[in-house]
């Protein structure tokens, strides 16, 4: 893929082999990264705060029947 600089009319290859055709793929990957990041943050928050609502100790019954 070649792109043209507005100040210079010479054609240059696209940097790192990037082309304009991959724009929709990059948008999809960015959206997926955002969604997975939000899920990771949410899961971390849930795991951090769920233990605070649980019992402080486990009672073991030592009575002899």
N, C-alpha and C. Protein backbone atom coordinates (compact mmCIF):
# COMPACT_ATOMS: atom_id res chain seq x y z
N UNK A 1 0.85 -1.18 0.00
CA UNK A 1 0.00 0.00 0.00
C UNK A 1 0.88 1.22 0.00
N UNK A 2 0.55 2.19 -0.79
CA UNK A 2 1.28 3.44 -0.86
C UNK A 2 0.40 4.56 -0.36
N UNK A 3 1.00 5.51 0.30
CA UNK A 3 0.25 6.69 0.73
C UNK A 3 1.01 7.92 0.26
N UNK A 4 0.31 9.01 0.10
CA UNK A 4 0.90 10.23 -0.41
C UNK A 4 0.88 11.29 0.68
N UNK A 5 2.01 11.94 0.86
CA UNK A 5 2.12 13.04 1.80
C UNK A 5 1.57 14.29 1.11
N UNK A 6 0.84 15.13 1.82
CA UNK A 6 0.24 16.31 1.20
C UNK A 6 1.29 17.31 0.75
N UNK A 7 2.39 17.43 1.47
CA UNK A 7 3.42 18.39 1.08
C UNK A 7 4.39 17.81 0.06
N UNK A 8 4.48 16.50 0.00
CA UNK A 8 5.38 15.84 -0.92
C UNK A 8 4.57 14.85 -1.76
N UNK A 9 4.67 14.92 -3.05
CA UNK A 9 3.84 14.07 -3.92
C UNK A 9 4.48 12.73 -4.21
N UNK A 10 5.61 12.40 -3.57
CA UNK A 10 6.25 11.10 -3.79
C UNK A 10 5.52 10.05 -2.97
N UNK A 11 5.43 8.85 -3.55
CA UNK A 11 4.77 7.75 -2.86
C UNK A 11 5.74 7.07 -1.91
N UNK A 12 5.25 6.73 -0.73
CA UNK A 12 6.04 6.03 0.27
C UNK A 12 5.27 4.79 0.71
N UNK A 13 5.98 3.70 1.02
CA UNK A 13 5.25 2.52 1.52
C UNK A 13 4.67 2.80 2.90
N UNK A 14 3.57 2.14 3.20
CA UNK A 14 2.93 2.31 4.51
C UNK A 14 3.87 1.78 5.59
N UNK A 15 3.97 2.44 6.75
CA UNK A 15 4.88 1.98 7.80
C UNK A 15 4.44 0.65 8.38
N UNK A 16 5.39 -0.22 8.59
CA UNK A 16 5.18 -1.54 9.21
C UNK A 16 4.19 -2.39 8.45
N UNK A 17 3.99 -2.16 7.20
CA UNK A 17 3.09 -2.98 6.41
C UNK A 17 1.62 -2.75 6.73
N UNK A 18 1.30 -1.66 7.39
CA UNK A 18 -0.10 -1.38 7.72
C UNK A 18 -0.83 -0.87 6.49
N UNK A 19 -2.05 -1.24 6.36
CA UNK A 19 -2.85 -0.75 5.25
C UNK A 19 -4.18 -0.23 5.77
N UNK A 20 -4.86 0.50 4.96
CA UNK A 20 -6.15 1.07 5.38
C UNK A 20 -7.25 0.02 5.40
N UNK A 21 -7.02 -1.13 4.82
CA UNK A 21 -8.04 -2.17 4.78
C UNK A 21 -8.26 -2.79 6.15
N UNK A 22 -7.28 -2.73 7.04
CA UNK A 22 -7.40 -3.34 8.36
C UNK A 22 -8.05 -2.45 9.39
N UNK A 23 -8.66 -1.35 8.99
CA UNK A 23 -9.25 -0.42 9.93
C UNK A 23 -10.38 -1.02 10.74
N UNK A 24 -11.24 -1.78 10.09
CA UNK A 24 -12.37 -2.38 10.81
C UNK A 24 -11.88 -3.47 11.76
N UNK A 25 -10.83 -4.18 11.37
CA UNK A 25 -10.27 -5.20 12.26
C UNK A 25 -9.68 -4.56 13.51
N UNK A 26 -8.97 -3.46 13.33
CA UNK A 26 -8.38 -2.77 14.48
C UNK A 26 -9.46 -2.21 15.40
N UNK A 27 -10.54 -1.71 14.84
CA UNK A 27 -11.64 -1.20 15.67
C UNK A 27 -12.25 -2.34 16.48
N UNK A 28 -12.43 -3.49 15.83
CA UNK A 28 -12.99 -4.65 16.53
C UNK A 28 -12.06 -5.09 17.67
N UNK A 29 -10.76 -5.12 17.40
CA UNK A 29 -9.82 -5.53 18.43
C UNK A 29 -9.78 -4.54 19.59
N UNK A 30 -9.91 -3.26 19.30
CA UNK A 30 -9.95 -2.26 20.37
C UNK A 30 -11.19 -2.40 21.22
N UNK A 31 -12.33 -2.68 20.58
CA UNK A 31 -13.57 -2.88 21.32
C UNK A 31 -13.47 -4.13 22.19
N UNK A 32 -12.90 -5.20 21.63
CA UNK A 32 -12.75 -6.43 22.41
C UNK A 32 -11.81 -6.21 23.60
N UNK A 33 -10.75 -5.46 23.40
CA UNK A 33 -9.83 -5.16 24.49
C UNK A 33 -10.54 -4.36 25.59
N UNK A 34 -11.36 -3.40 25.20
CA UNK A 34 -12.10 -2.60 26.18
C UNK A 34 -13.09 -3.46 26.96
N UNK A 35 -13.80 -4.35 26.27
CA UNK A 35 -14.79 -5.21 26.92
C UNK A 35 -14.10 -6.16 27.89
N UNK A 36 -13.02 -6.79 27.45
CA UNK A 36 -12.33 -7.73 28.33
C UNK A 36 -11.69 -7.03 29.52
N UNK A 37 -11.23 -5.81 29.33
CA UNK A 37 -10.67 -5.05 30.45
C UNK A 37 -11.75 -4.73 31.47
N UNK A 38 -12.92 -4.33 31.00
CA UNK A 38 -14.03 -4.04 31.92
C UNK A 38 -14.45 -5.29 32.68
N UNK A 39 -14.49 -6.42 32.00
CA UNK A 39 -14.84 -7.67 32.68
C UNK A 39 -13.80 -8.04 33.73
N UNK A 40 -12.53 -7.84 33.41
CA UNK A 40 -11.48 -8.17 34.37
C UNK A 40 -11.56 -7.27 35.60
N UNK A 41 -11.82 -5.99 35.40
CA UNK A 41 -11.94 -5.05 36.53
C UNK A 41 -13.15 -5.41 37.38
N UNK A 42 -14.25 -5.73 36.75
CA UNK A 42 -15.47 -6.10 37.48
C UNK A 42 -15.26 -7.37 38.28
N UNK A 43 -14.67 -8.38 37.67
CA UNK A 43 -14.43 -9.64 38.37
C UNK A 43 -13.47 -9.44 39.54
N UNK A 44 -12.46 -8.64 39.36
CA UNK A 44 -11.52 -8.36 40.44
C UNK A 44 -12.23 -7.67 41.60
N UNK A 45 -13.08 -6.69 41.29
CA UNK A 45 -13.83 -6.01 42.34
C UNK A 45 -14.76 -6.93 43.09
N UNK A 46 -15.43 -7.81 42.37
CA UNK A 46 -16.34 -8.76 43.02
C UNK A 46 -15.56 -9.69 43.93
N UNK A 47 -14.44 -10.20 43.45
CA UNK A 47 -13.66 -11.14 44.27
C UNK A 47 -13.05 -10.45 45.49
N UNK A 48 -12.74 -9.18 45.39
CA UNK A 48 -12.18 -8.47 46.53
C UNK A 48 -13.21 -8.20 47.61
N UNK A 49 -14.44 -7.91 47.23
CA UNK A 49 -15.44 -7.49 48.20
C UNK A 49 -16.41 -8.59 48.62
N UNK A 50 -16.40 -9.73 47.98
CA UNK A 50 -17.36 -10.77 48.33
C UNK A 50 -16.99 -11.42 49.67
N UNK A 51 -15.74 -11.49 50.03
CA UNK A 51 -15.34 -12.11 51.29
C UNK A 51 -15.71 -11.26 52.49
N UNK A 52 -15.91 -9.98 52.33
CA UNK A 52 -16.24 -9.11 53.46
C UNK A 52 -17.66 -9.34 53.96
N UNK A 53 -18.49 -9.95 53.16
CA UNK A 53 -19.87 -10.20 53.56
C UNK A 53 -20.06 -11.63 54.06
N UNK A 54 -19.03 -12.43 54.02
CA UNK A 54 -19.11 -13.82 54.46
C UNK A 54 -18.88 -13.95 55.95
N UNK A 55 -18.99 -15.15 56.47
CA UNK A 55 -18.75 -15.37 57.91
C UNK A 55 -17.28 -15.12 58.25
N UNK A 56 -17.05 -14.63 59.48
CA UNK A 56 -15.69 -14.34 59.91
C UNK A 56 -14.94 -15.61 60.31
N UNK A 57 -15.66 -16.64 60.71
CA UNK A 57 -15.02 -17.88 61.11
C UNK A 57 -15.96 -19.04 60.79
N UNK A 58 -15.41 -20.20 60.78
CA UNK A 58 -16.21 -21.41 60.57
C UNK A 58 -16.31 -22.11 61.91
N UNK A 59 -17.53 -22.32 62.35
CA UNK A 59 -17.75 -22.96 63.64
C UNK A 59 -17.72 -24.47 63.45
N UNK A 60 -16.87 -25.12 64.21
CA UNK A 60 -16.76 -26.58 64.15
C UNK A 60 -17.43 -27.14 65.40
N UNK A 61 -18.31 -28.09 65.18
CA UNK A 61 -19.05 -28.70 66.29
C UNK A 61 -18.20 -29.75 66.95
N UNK A 62 -17.75 -29.49 68.18
CA UNK A 62 -16.92 -30.42 68.92
C UNK A 62 -17.70 -31.15 70.02
N UNK A 63 -19.01 -31.02 69.98
CA UNK A 63 -19.80 -31.66 71.06
C UNK A 63 -19.81 -33.17 70.86
N UNK A 64 -19.77 -33.87 71.98
CA UNK A 64 -19.82 -35.33 71.92
C UNK A 64 -21.26 -35.79 72.06
N UNK A 65 -21.72 -36.56 71.12
CA UNK A 65 -23.11 -37.04 71.16
C UNK A 65 -23.21 -38.39 71.80
